Amino acid sequence: MVEEQEKVDFNTTDDTGSIGNSLKQSSIQYVSMNNKNFQVKNQRPGTNLELRSQQAFEEICRQQHAQLSKKRQATLFCRYRHNNHPYLIFRPVKEEKVLDEPAVFLFHDVVSDSDIEKLKALAVPRLQRALIRNAATNAITPTNDRISKSAWLRDEDSPVVARLSQLISALTNLTMETAEEIQIANYGIGGYYSPHVDFYHKLERPAYFGKVGKYIIDLGELSRFCCYSGNRIATWMTYMSDVEWGGATVFPLFGGYITPKKGSTLFWYNLHASGEVDYRTLHAACPVLIGNKWVANKWIHEYGQEFRRRCSLDPMA
């Protein structure tokens, strides 16, 4: 598919007919959306919220830019961040607030190209198609909501993995004791992730089972999981590649659009300071149209953060 795609010149200044001819010559099916008989056959989500988020997701991915008013843009800023941490004092990180609601931050140039290549080399032999647990049957199955491959890396696997965990702790001021292993995810052509949240709903079995910090989580022991690590308080997502076209991270209900930049990282809290889940963090990954997308995810859990992120009595704080 990539080889065929490279044969097509999408920079032509002619009308859509020239693109159609190029696609036909390359034996790629082409359907004009201007045709009155054209019908979108995408299966739509069931609930109103799912439908609204899916429509917003598709719209912002097509427009390829953030949808923020000037008033909201005025609240964004850039600064250097070091948290008075010895690891960062002499090399503060460039921090950019890229979304006001929910608060989402982009840390620029925090992972080197050499470390990225080492992480990829560790992950490639372990990559597997993304799976989910079927709530009705309890079976692990592939999903059409997420088209990607992923692998899990432990700190013990390599010094580069441990070094990344140390950086995450220094920048977020959160402990990694109850955090999940680092997930390396690869999205090829057409790879995407539909709108979702990272936190677990009440009485929901987590999608991740395995080693969480120093605790081993068994498939049937949700109580132990909740007891030892709690919910996902925050998400760290490092871009391990640039993407030529597509692949943006979007917060569709609030107009957030972040283009992947190799070596930079997105960070946000999934829970309010009160511990209540924050549905504003619903996010998605736009389809990769040209190129290849690599990310490194680290989900940080709430237990152990009591004195690092102070609680609030305000449910929405």
C-alpha atoms as a PDB file:
ATOM      1  CA  MET A   1       0.000   0.000   0.000  1.00  0.00           C
ATOM      2  CA  VAL A   2       2.843   2.386   0.838  1.00  0.00           C
ATOM      3  CA  GLU A   3       4.557   1.657  -2.477  1.00  0.00           C
ATOM      4  CA  GLU A   4       1.327   2.285  -4.386  1.00  0.00           C
ATOM      5  CA  GLN A   5       0.684   5.465  -2.416  1.00  0.00           C
ATOM      6  CA  GLU A   6       4.074   6.874  -3.364  1.00  0.00           C
ATOM      7  CA  LYS A   7       3.131   6.572  -7.033  1.00  0.00           C
ATOM      8  CA  VAL A   8       0.250   9.024  -6.606  1.00  0.00           C
ATOM      9  CA  ASP A   9       0.991  12.751  -6.803  1.00  0.00           C
ATOM     10  CA  PHE A  10      -1.339  14.412  -4.286  1.00  0.00           C
ATOM     11  CA  ASN A  11       0.227  17.833  -4.899  1.00  0.00           C
ATOM     12  CA  THR A  12      -1.379  18.242  -8.304  1.00  0.00           C
ATOM     13  CA  THR A  13      -3.181  21.529  -8.920  1.00  0.00           C
ATOM     14  CA  ASP A  14      -5.750  19.886 -11.209  1.00  0.00           C
ATOM     15  CA  ASP A  15      -9.252  18.901 -10.153  1.00  0.00           C
ATOM     16  CA  THR A  16     -10.129  15.637  -8.422  1.00  0.00           C
ATOM     17  CA  GLY A  17     -10.293  13.872 -11.767  1.00  0.00           C
ATOM     18  CA  SER A  18      -6.514  13.829 -12.043  1.00  0.00           C
ATOM     19  CA  ILE A  19      -6.261  12.225  -8.609  1.00  0.00           C
ATOM     20  CA  GLY A  20      -8.881   9.693  -9.635  1.00  0.00           C
ATOM     21  CA  ASN A  21      -6.942   8.847 -12.804  1.00  0.00           C
ATOM     22  CA  SER A  22      -3.744   8.437 -10.815  1.00  0.00           C
ATOM     23  CA  LEU A  23      -5.496   6.110  -8.408  1.00  0.00           C
ATOM     24  CA  LYS A  24      -6.995   4.055 -11.239  1.00  0.00           C
ATOM     25  CA  GLN A  25      -3.615   3.770 -12.952  1.00  0.00           C
ATOM     26  CA  SER A  26      -2.187   2.495  -9.683  1.00  0.00           C
ATOM     27  CA  SER A  27      -5.047  -0.034  -9.355  1.00  0.00           C
ATOM     28  CA  ILE A  28      -6.384   1.725  -6.255  1.00  0.00           C
ATOM     29  CA  GLN A  29     -10.148   2.023  -5.944  1.00  0.00           C
ATOM     30  CA  TYR A  30     -11.351   5.624  -6.241  1.00  0.00           C
ATOM     31  CA  VAL A  31     -14.848   6.869  -5.394  1.00  0.00           C
ATOM     32  CA  SER A  32     -15.806  10.514  -5.916  1.00  0.00           C
ATOM     33  CA  MET A  33     -17.702  12.059  -3.010  1.00  0.00           C
ATOM     34  CA  ASN A  34     -19.233  14.495  -5.520  1.00  0.00           C
ATOM     35  CA  ASN A  35     -21.194  11.632  -7.031  1.00  0.00           C
ATOM     36  CA  LYS A  36     -24.850  12.002  -6.043  1.00  0.00           C
ATOM     37  CA  ASN A  37     -25.055   8.250  -5.488  1.00  0.00           C
ATOM     38  CA  PHE A  38     -22.120   8.274  -3.057  1.00  0.00           C
ATOM     39  CA  GLN A  39     -22.984   7.034   0.422  1.00  0.00           C
ATOM     40  CA  VAL A  40     -20.800   6.910   3.491  1.00  0.00           C
ATOM     41  CA  LYS A  41     -20.934   3.347   4.770  1.00  0.00           C
ATOM     42  CA  ASN A  42     -19.098   3.878   8.047  1.00  0.00           C
ATOM     43  CA  GLN A  43     -20.839   2.218  10.955  1.00  0.00           C
ATOM     44  CA  ARG A  44     -21.866   4.914  13.431  1.00  0.00           C
ATOM     45  CA  PRO A  45     -21.644   4.655  17.242  1.00  0.00           C
ATOM     46  CA  GLY A  46     -24.782   3.930  19.223  1.00  0.00           C
ATOM     47  CA  THR A  47     -25.228   6.609  21.902  1.00  0.00           C
ATOM     48  CA  ASN A  48     -25.614  10.351  21.327  1.00  0.00           C
ATOM     49  CA  LEU A  49     -22.358  11.115  23.169  1.00  0.00           C
ATOM     50  CA  GLU A  50     -20.459   8.508  21.161  1.00  0.00           C
ATOM     51  CA  LEU A  51     -21.929   9.834  17.924  1.00  0.00           C
ATOM     52  CA  ARG A  52     -21.148  13.450  18.841  1.00  0.00           C
ATOM     53  CA  SER A  53     -17.562  12.636  19.804  1.00  0.00           C
ATOM     54  CA  GLN A  54     -17.057  10.536  16.672  1.00  0.00           C
ATOM     55  CA  GLN A  55     -18.377  13.311  14.416  1.00  0.00           C
ATOM     56  CA  ALA A  56     -16.200  15.897  16.173  1.00  0.00           C
ATOM     57  CA  PHE A  57     -13.214  13.545  15.859  1.00  0.00           C
ATOM     58  CA  GLU A  58     -13.693  13.108  12.118  1.00  0.00           C
ATOM     59  CA  GLU A  59     -14.243  16.841  11.585  1.00  0.00           C
ATOM     60  CA  ILE A  60     -11.125  18.011  13.421  1.00  0.00           C
ATOM     61  CA  CYS A  61      -8.996  15.334  11.734  1.00  0.00           C
ATOM     62  CA  ARG A  62     -10.164  16.600   8.333  1.00  0.00           C
ATOM     63  CA  GLN A  63      -9.525  20.263   9.193  1.00  0.00           C
ATOM     64  CA  GLN A  64      -6.045  19.460  10.569  1.00  0.00           C
ATOM     65  CA  HIS A  65      -5.825  22.318  13.064  1.00  0.00           C
ATOM     66  CA  ALA A  66      -6.942  23.258  16.572  1.00  0.00           C
ATOM     67  CA  GLN A  67     -10.359  24.855  17.005  1.00  0.00           C
ATOM     68  CA  LEU A  68      -9.731  27.331  19.814  1.00  0.00           C
ATOM     69  CA  SER A  69     -11.222  30.802  20.166  1.00  0.00           C
ATOM     70  CA  LYS A  70      -8.901  33.781  20.678  1.00  0.00           C
ATOM     71  CA  LYS A  71     -10.035  33.935  24.297  1.00  0.00           C
ATOM     72  CA  ARG A  72      -8.960  30.341  24.862  1.00  0.00           C
ATOM     73  CA  GLN A  73      -5.719  30.837  22.949  1.00  0.00           C
ATOM     74  CA  ALA A  74      -4.880  33.741  25.277  1.00  0.00           C
ATOM     75  CA  THR A  75      -4.656  31.311  28.220  1.00  0.00           C
ATOM     76  CA  LEU A  76      -1.918  29.228  26.574  1.00  0.00           C
ATOM     77  CA  PHE A  77       1.757  29.803  27.325  1.00  0.00           C
ATOM     78  CA  CYS A  78       5.330  28.538  26.985  1.00  0.00           C
ATOM     79  CA  ARG A  79       7.965  28.336  29.713  1.00  0.00           C
ATOM     80  CA  TYR A  80      10.956  26.382  30.971  1.00  0.00           C
ATOM     81  CA  ARG A  81      10.234  23.738  33.606  1.00  0.00           C
ATOM     82  CA  HIS A  82      12.616  22.082  36.067  1.00  0.00           C
ATOM     83  CA  ASN A  83      10.554  21.503  39.266  1.00  0.00           C
ATOM     84  CA  ASN A  84      13.732  22.207  41.285  1.00  0.00           C
ATOM     85  CA  HIS A  85      14.625  18.594  40.540  1.00  0.00           C
ATOM     86  CA  PRO A  86      18.356  17.750  40.375  1.00  0.00           C
ATOM     87  CA  TYR A  87      17.728  15.845  37.145  1.00  0.00           C
ATOM     88  CA  LEU A  88      16.396  19.001  35.451  1.00  0.00           C
ATOM     89  CA  ILE A  89      18.016  21.991  37.187  1.00  0.00           C
ATOM     90  CA  PHE A  90      20.803  22.359  34.628  1.00  0.00           C
ATOM     91  CA  ARG A  91      18.722  21.315  31.641  1.00  0.00           C
ATOM     92  CA  PRO A  92      15.160  22.625  32.067  1.00  0.00           C
ATOM     93  CA  VAL A  93      12.535  21.365  29.651  1.00  0.00           C
ATOM     94  CA  LYS A  94      10.591  23.524  27.198  1.00  0.00           C
ATOM     95  CA  GLU A  95       6.960  23.294  28.261  1.00  0.00           C
ATOM     96  CA  GLU A  96       4.022  24.475  26.140  1.00  0.00           C
ATOM     97  CA  LYS A  97       0.408  24.500  27.246  1.00  0.00           C
ATOM     98  CA  VAL A  98      -1.398  23.407  24.074  1.00  0.00           C
ATOM     99  CA  LEU A  99      -4.947  23.082  25.402  1.00  0.00           C
ATOM    100  CA  ASP A 100      -6.764  24.939  28.151  1.00  0.00           C
ATOM    101  CA  GLU A 101      -9.665  22.547  28.746  1.00  0.00           C
ATOM    102  CA  PRO A 102      -8.650  20.011  29.754  1.00  0.00           C
ATOM    103  CA  ALA A 103      -5.145  21.245  30.581  1.00  0.00           C
ATOM    104  CA  VAL A 104      -2.750  19.492  28.183  1.00  0.00           C
ATOM    105  CA  PHE A 105       0.984  20.181  28.058  1.00  0.00           C
ATOM    106  CA  LEU A 106       3.608  19.490  25.404  1.00  0.00           C
ATOM    107  CA  PHE A 107       7.196  18.990  26.561  1.00  0.00           C
ATOM    108  CA  HIS A 108       9.511  19.698  23.632  1.00  0.00           C
ATOM    109  CA  ASP A 109      12.629  17.675  22.761  1.00  0.00           C
ATOM    110  CA  VAL A 110      12.719  15.505  25.876  1.00  0.00           C
ATOM    111  CA  VAL A 111      13.746  12.168  24.307  1.00  0.00           C
ATOM    112  CA  SER A 112      16.791  11.920  22.028  1.00  0.00           C
ATOM    113  CA  ASP A 113      16.815  10.245  18.615  1.00  0.00           C
ATOM    114  CA  SER A 114      19.300   7.638  19.844  1.00  0.00           C
ATOM    115  CA  ASP A 115      17.077   6.680  22.794  1.00  0.00           C
ATOM    116  CA  ILE A 116      14.077   6.491  20.477  1.00  0.00           C
ATOM    117  CA  GLU A 117      15.877   4.062  18.167  1.00  0.00           C
ATOM    118  CA  LYS A 118      16.867   1.907  21.147  1.00  0.00           C
ATOM    119  CA  LEU A 119      13.262   1.820  22.371  1.00  0.00           C
ATOM    120  CA  LYS A 120      12.054   0.823  18.907  1.00  0.00           C
ATOM    121  CA  ALA A 121      14.664  -1.934  18.671  1.00  0.00           C
ATOM    122  CA  LEU A 122      13.473  -3.348  21.994  1.00  0.00           C
ATOM    123  CA  ALA A 123       9.804  -3.143  21.017  1.00  0.00           C
ATOM    124  CA  VAL A 124       9.813  -4.446  17.423  1.00  0.00           C
ATOM    125  CA  PRO A 125      10.222  -8.170  18.276  1.00  0.00           C
ATOM    126  CA  ARG A 126       7.367  -7.894  20.791  1.00  0.00           C
ATOM    127  CA  LEU A 127       4.828  -5.945  18.730  1.00  0.00           C
ATOM    128  CA  GLN A 128       1.343  -7.464  18.642  1.00  0.00           C
ATOM    129  CA  ARG A 129      -2.006  -6.333  17.297  1.00  0.00           C
ATOM    130  CA  ALA A 130      -3.891  -4.190  19.814  1.00  0.00           C
ATOM    131  CA  LEU A 131      -6.516  -6.188  21.725  1.00  0.00           C
ATOM    132  CA  ILE A 132      -9.378  -5.429  24.099  1.00  0.00           C
ATOM    133  CA  ARG A 133     -11.410  -7.439  26.584  1.00  0.00           C
ATOM    134  CA  ASN A 134     -14.997  -8.129  25.467  1.00  0.00           C
ATOM    135  CA  ALA A 135     -17.212  -7.060  28.377  1.00  0.00           C
ATOM    136  CA  ALA A 136     -19.898  -9.629  27.470  1.00  0.00           C
ATOM    137  CA  THR A 137     -17.730 -12.709  26.870  1.00  0.00           C
ATOM    138  CA  ASN A 138     -14.607 -11.738  28.853  1.00  0.00           C
ATOM    139  CA  ALA A 139     -12.554 -12.822  25.823  1.00  0.00           C
ATOM    140  CA  ILE A 140      -9.493 -10.956  24.512  1.00  0.00           C
ATOM    141  CA  THR A 141     -10.180  -9.967  20.895  1.00  0.00           C
ATOM    142  CA  PRO A 142      -8.956  -7.523  18.201  1.00  0.00           C
ATOM    143  CA  THR A 143     -10.840  -4.245  17.928  1.00  0.00           C
ATOM    144  CA  ASN A 144     -11.705  -1.895  15.094  1.00  0.00           C
ATOM    145  CA  ASP A 145     -11.579   1.068  17.497  1.00  0.00           C
ATOM    146  CA  ARG A 146      -7.793   0.908  17.558  1.00  0.00           C
ATOM    147  CA  ILE A 147      -5.703  -0.096  14.546  1.00  0.00           C
ATOM    148  CA  SER A 148      -2.152  -0.430  15.828  1.00  0.00           C
ATOM    149  CA  LYS A 149       0.475  -2.779  17.212  1.00  0.00           C
ATOM    150  CA  SER A 150       1.958  -2.455  20.670  1.00  0.00           C
ATOM    151  CA  ALA A 151       4.568  -3.887  23.025  1.00  0.00           C
ATOM    152  CA  TRP A 152       5.360  -3.421  26.713  1.00  0.00           C
ATOM    153  CA  LEU A 153       8.793  -2.530  28.089  1.00  0.00           C
ATOM    154  CA  ARG A 154       9.921  -2.808  31.714  1.00  0.00           C
ATOM    155  CA  ASP A 155      12.566  -0.672  33.388  1.00  0.00           C
ATOM    156  CA  GLU A 156      14.600  -3.855  33.834  1.00  0.00           C
ATOM    157  CA  ASP A 157      14.722  -4.436  30.064  1.00  0.00           C
ATOM    158  CA  SER A 158      17.238  -1.689  29.350  1.00  0.00           C
ATOM    159  CA  PRO A 159      18.838   1.405  30.922  1.00  0.00           C
ATOM    160  CA  VAL A 160      17.095   3.531  28.285  1.00  0.00           C
ATOM    161  CA  VAL A 161      13.681   2.377  29.571  1.00  0.00           C
ATOM    162  CA  ALA A 162      14.639   3.090  33.182  1.00  0.00           C
ATOM    163  CA  ARG A 163      16.014   6.481  32.144  1.00  0.00           C
ATOM    164  CA  LEU A 164      12.708   7.396  30.492  1.00  0.00           C
ATOM    165  CA  SER A 165      10.792   6.457  33.647  1.00  0.00           C
ATOM    166  CA  GLN A 166      13.171   8.628  35.679  1.00  0.00           C
ATOM    167  CA  LEU A 167      12.551  11.552  33.325  1.00  0.00           C
ATOM    168  CA  ILE A 168       8.783  11.090  33.590  1.00  0.00           C
ATOM    169  CA  SER A 169       8.942  11.160  37.381  1.00  0.00           C
ATOM    170  CA  ALA A 170      11.161  14.258  37.415  1.00  0.00           C
ATOM    171  CA  LEU A 171       8.968  16.226  34.995  1.00  0.00           C
ATOM    172  CA  THR A 172       5.572  15.250  36.414  1.00  0.00           C
ATOM    173  CA  ASN A 173       6.653  15.101  40.080  1.00  0.00           C
ATOM    174  CA  LEU A 174       4.754  11.794  40.311  1.00  0.00           C
ATOM    175  CA  THR A 175       6.039   8.448  41.551  1.00  0.00           C
ATOM    176  CA  MET A 176       6.454   5.561  39.104  1.00  0.00           C
ATOM    177  CA  GLU A 177       6.042   2.916  41.832  1.00  0.00           C
ATOM    178  CA  THR A 178       2.473   2.124  40.753  1.00  0.00           C
ATOM    179  CA  ALA A 179       2.772   3.175  37.114  1.00  0.00           C
ATOM    180  CA  GLU A 180       2.300   0.737  34.262  1.00  0.00           C
ATOM    181  CA  GLU A 181       5.110  -0.479  32.073  1.00  0.00           C
ATOM    182  CA  ILE A 182       5.943   1.692  29.061  1.00  0.00           C
ATOM    183  CA  GLN A 183       3.807   0.827  26.061  1.00  0.00           C
ATOM    184  CA  ILE A 184       5.348   1.275  22.618  1.00  0.00           C
ATOM    185  CA  ALA A 185       2.661   1.621  19.939  1.00  0.00           C
ATOM    186  CA  ASN A 186       3.046   1.667  16.171  1.00  0.00           C
ATOM    187  CA  TYR A 187       0.416   2.995  13.760  1.00  0.00           C
ATOM    188  CA  GLY A 188       0.980   2.185  10.095  1.00  0.00           C
ATOM    189  CA  ILE A 189      -0.936   3.518   7.091  1.00  0.00           C
ATOM    190  CA  GLY A 190      -4.584   3.845   8.147  1.00  0.00           C
ATOM    191  CA  GLY A 191      -3.752   3.293  11.816  1.00  0.00           C
ATOM    192  CA  TYR A 192      -5.887   5.277  14.259  1.00  0.00           C
ATOM    193  CA  TYR A 193      -7.522   5.211  17.686  1.00  0.00           C
ATOM    194  CA  SER A 194     -11.160   6.278  17.977  1.00  0.00           C
ATOM    195  CA  PRO A 195     -12.334   8.597  20.815  1.00  0.00           C
ATOM    196  CA  HIS A 196     -11.705   7.115  24.257  1.00  0.00           C
ATOM    197  CA  VAL A 197     -10.654   7.950  27.799  1.00  0.00           C
ATOM    198  CA  ASP A 198      -7.658   6.455  29.599  1.00  0.00           C
ATOM    199  CA  PHE A 199      -9.173   6.140  33.071  1.00  0.00           C
ATOM    200  CA  TYR A 200     -11.147   3.114  34.212  1.00  0.00           C
ATOM    201  CA  HIS A 201     -14.841   3.397  34.936  1.00  0.00           C
ATOM    202  CA  LYS A 202     -16.132   2.050  38.224  1.00  0.00           C
ATOM    203  CA  LEU A 203     -16.405  -1.761  38.284  1.00  0.00           C
ATOM    204  CA  GLU A 204     -14.609  -1.919  34.942  1.00  0.00           C
ATOM    205  CA  ARG A 205     -11.790  -4.359  34.412  1.00  0.00           C
ATOM    206  CA  PRO A 206      -8.658  -2.575  33.242  1.00  0.00           C
ATOM    207  CA  ALA A 207      -7.548  -3.156  29.667  1.00  0.00           C
ATOM    208  CA  TYR A 208      -3.987  -3.694  30.884  1.00  0.00           C
ATOM    209  CA  PHE A 209      -3.032  -6.762  32.867  1.00  0.00           C
ATOM    210  CA  GLY A 210       0.508  -7.564  33.904  1.00  0.00           C
ATOM    211  CA  LYS A 211       3.104  -5.838  36.019  1.00  0.00           C
ATOM    212  CA  VAL A 212       1.970  -2.521  37.502  1.00  0.00           C
ATOM    213  CA  GLY A 213       4.882  -1.064  39.397  1.00  0.00           C
ATOM    214  CA  LYS A 214       6.012  -3.712  41.881  1.00  0.00           C
ATOM    215  CA  TYR A 215       2.640  -5.457  41.933  1.00  0.00           C
ATOM    216  CA  ILE A 216       1.601  -8.366  39.736  1.00  0.00           C
ATOM    217  CA  ILE A 217      -1.978  -8.070  38.525  1.00  0.00           C
ATOM    218  CA  ASP A 218      -3.907 -11.280  37.882  1.00  0.00           C
ATOM    219  CA  LEU A 219      -6.593 -11.481  35.188  1.00  0.00           C
ATOM    220  CA  GLY A 220      -9.334 -12.164  37.693  1.00  0.00           C
ATOM    221  CA  GLU A 221      -8.226  -9.954  40.547  1.00  0.00           C
ATOM    222  CA  LEU A 222      -9.572  -6.476  39.912  1.00  0.00           C
ATOM    223  CA  SER A 223      -9.774  -5.932  43.671  1.00  0.00           C
ATOM    224  CA  ARG A 224      -6.004  -6.301  43.998  1.00  0.00           C
ATOM    225  CA  PHE A 225      -5.492  -3.930  41.070  1.00  0.00           C
ATOM    226  CA  CYS A 226      -7.661  -1.236  42.656  1.00  0.00           C
ATOM    227  CA  CYS A 227      -6.159  -1.845  46.067  1.00  0.00           C
ATOM    228  CA  TYR A 228      -2.549  -1.513  44.990  1.00  0.00           C
ATOM    229  CA  SER A 229      -2.539   1.093  42.244  1.00  0.00           C
ATOM    230  CA  GLY A 230      -5.890   2.862  41.837  1.00  0.00           C
ATOM    231  CA  ASN A 231      -7.052   4.553  38.657  1.00  0.00           C
ATOM    232  CA  ARG A 232      -4.935   6.113  35.919  1.00  0.00           C
ATOM    233  CA  ILE A 233      -4.286   9.580  37.299  1.00  0.00           C
ATOM    234  CA  ALA A 234      -2.255  10.823  34.324  1.00  0.00           C
ATOM    235  CA  THR A 235      -1.085  10.010  30.799  1.00  0.00           C
ATOM    236  CA  TRP A 236       2.411  10.531  29.350  1.00  0.00           C
ATOM    237  CA  MET A 237       2.723  10.073  25.581  1.00  0.00           C
ATOM    238  CA  THR A 238       6.045  10.540  23.782  1.00  0.00           C
ATOM    239  CA  TYR A 239       6.074  10.934  20.004  1.00  0.00           C
ATOM    240  CA  MET A 240       8.810   8.685  18.630  1.00  0.00           C
ATOM    241  CA  SER A 241       8.403   9.813  15.019  1.00  0.00           C
ATOM    242  CA  ASP A 242       7.196  12.648  12.861  1.00  0.00           C
ATOM    243  CA  VAL A 243       4.211  11.826  10.652  1.00  0.00           C
ATOM    244  CA  GLU A 244       4.143  13.176   7.128  1.00  0.00           C
ATOM    245  CA  TRP A 245       0.350  13.389   6.955  1.00  0.00           C
ATOM    246  CA  GLY A 246      -2.229  12.554   9.629  1.00  0.00           C
ATOM    247  CA  GLY A 247      -1.682  10.890  12.986  1.00  0.00           C
ATOM    248  CA  ALA A 248      -2.511  13.915  15.160  1.00  0.00           C
ATOM    249  CA  THR A 249      -3.672  13.570  18.759  1.00  0.00           C
ATOM    250  CA  VAL A 250      -7.024  15.304  19.169  1.00  0.00           C
ATOM    251  CA  PHE A 251      -9.396  16.193  21.990  1.00  0.00           C
ATOM    252  CA  PRO A 252     -12.495  16.377  19.775  1.00  0.00           C
ATOM    253  CA  LEU A 253     -15.022  17.824  22.230  1.00  0.00           C
ATOM    254  CA  PHE A 254     -12.746  20.784  23.057  1.00  0.00           C
ATOM    255  CA  GLY A 255     -11.019  21.449  19.740  1.00  0.00           C
ATOM    256  CA  GLY A 256      -7.555  20.231  20.708  1.00  0.00           C
ATOM    257  CA  TYR A 257      -5.261  19.200  17.826  1.00  0.00           C
ATOM    258  CA  ILE A 258      -1.606  18.294  18.394  1.00  0.00           C
ATOM    259  CA  THR A 259       0.676  17.304  15.519  1.00  0.00           C
ATOM    260  CA  PRO A 260       3.212  14.569  16.342  1.00  0.00           C
ATOM    261  CA  LYS A 261       6.742  15.907  16.796  1.00  0.00           C
ATOM    262  CA  LYS A 262       9.544  13.405  17.254  1.00  0.00           C
ATOM    263  CA  GLY A 263      11.106  13.530  20.706  1.00  0.00           C
ATOM    264  CA  SER A 264       8.317  15.606  22.282  1.00  0.00           C
ATOM    265  CA  THR A 265       5.745  14.472  24.829  1.00  0.00           C
ATOM    266  CA  LEU A 266       2.099  15.156  25.683  1.00  0.00           C
ATOM    267  CA  PHE A 267       1.007  15.075  29.319  1.00  0.00           C
ATOM    268  CA  TRP A 268      -2.375  15.484  31.007  1.00  0.00           C
ATOM    269  CA  TYR A 269      -4.289  14.411  34.119  1.00  0.00           C
ATOM    270  CA  ASN A 270      -7.165  11.953  33.654  1.00  0.00           C
ATOM    271  CA  LEU A 271      -8.580  12.602  37.122  1.00  0.00           C
ATOM    272  CA  HIS A 272      -9.618  15.781  38.878  1.00  0.00           C
ATOM    273  CA  ALA A 273      -7.660  16.664  42.024  1.00  0.00           C
ATOM    274  CA  SER A 274     -10.635  15.260  43.947  1.00  0.00           C
ATOM    275  CA  GLY A 275     -10.068  11.851  42.373  1.00  0.00           C
ATOM    276  CA  GLU A 276     -13.179  12.070  40.194  1.00  0.00           C
ATOM    277  CA  VAL A 277     -12.724  11.034  36.570  1.00  0.00           C
ATOM    278  CA  ASP A 278     -12.420  13.849  34.016  1.00  0.00           C
ATOM    279  CA  TYR A 279     -14.494  13.120  30.925  1.00  0.00           C
ATOM    280  CA  ARG A 280     -13.048  16.190  29.209  1.00  0.00           C
ATOM    281  CA  THR A 281      -9.932  14.092  28.560  1.00  0.00           C
ATOM    282  CA  LEU A 282     -11.714  12.104  25.856  1.00  0.00           C
ATOM    283  CA  HIS A 283      -9.141  11.979  23.060  1.00  0.00           C
ATOM    284  CA  ALA A 284      -8.288  10.131  19.863  1.00  0.00           C
ATOM    285  CA  ALA A 285      -5.576   9.534  17.270  1.00  0.00           C
ATOM    286  CA  CYS A 286      -6.328  10.660  13.710  1.00  0.00           C
ATOM    287  CA  PRO A 287      -5.651   8.113  10.943  1.00  0.00           C
ATOM    288  CA  VAL A 288      -2.119   8.006   9.569  1.00  0.00           C
ATOM    289  CA  LEU A 289      -2.420   8.873   5.871  1.00  0.00           C
ATOM    290  CA  ILE A 290       1.230   9.064   4.861  1.00  0.00           C
ATOM    291  CA  GLY A 291       4.120   7.884   7.008  1.00  0.00           C
ATOM    292  CA  ASN A 292       4.501   5.836  10.166  1.00  0.00           C
ATOM    293  CA  LYS A 293       3.619   6.806  13.726  1.00  0.00           C
ATOM    294  CA  TRP A 294       5.408   5.602  16.854  1.00  0.00           C
ATOM    295  CA  VAL A 295       4.501   6.600  20.416  1.00  0.00           C
ATOM    296  CA  ALA A 296       5.605   5.612  23.919  1.00  0.00           C
ATOM    297  CA  ASN A 297       2.822   5.674  26.518  1.00  0.00           C
ATOM    298  CA  LYS A 298       3.151   5.623  30.287  1.00  0.00           C
ATOM    299  CA  TRP A 299      -0.009   5.492  32.392  1.00  0.00           C
ATOM    300  CA  ILE A 300       0.582   6.721  35.926  1.00  0.00           C
ATOM    301  CA  HIS A 301      -1.694   5.466  38.705  1.00  0.00           C
ATOM    302  CA  GLU A 302      -3.095   7.431  41.621  1.00  0.00           C
ATOM    303  CA  TYR A 303      -1.830   5.446  44.616  1.00  0.00           C
ATOM    304  CA  GLY A 304       1.418   6.858  45.936  1.00  0.00           C
ATOM    305  CA  GLN A 305       0.647  10.362  44.625  1.00  0.00           C
ATOM    306  CA  GLU A 306      -1.135  11.573  47.776  1.00  0.00           C
ATOM    307  CA  PHE A 307       1.643  13.990  48.743  1.00  0.00           C
ATOM    308  CA  ARG A 308       2.721  14.745  45.180  1.00  0.00           C
ATOM    309  CA  ARG A 309      -0.630  15.910  43.816  1.00  0.00           C
ATOM    310  CA  ARG A 310      -2.713  17.247  46.668  1.00  0.00           C
ATOM    311  CA  CYS A 311      -6.364  16.246  46.860  1.00  0.00           C
ATOM    312  CA  SER A 312      -9.219  18.749  46.676  1.00  0.00           C
ATOM    313  CA  LEU A 313     -12.682  18.755  48.237  1.00  0.00           C
ATOM    314  CA  ASP A 314     -14.075  20.305  45.064  1.00  0.00           C
ATOM    315  CA  PRO A 315     -15.257  17.383  42.879  1.00  0.00           C
ATOM    316  CA  MET A 316     -14.367  19.242  39.684  1.00  0.00           C
ATOM    317  CA  ALA A 317     -11.089  20.842  40.816  1.00  0.00           C
END
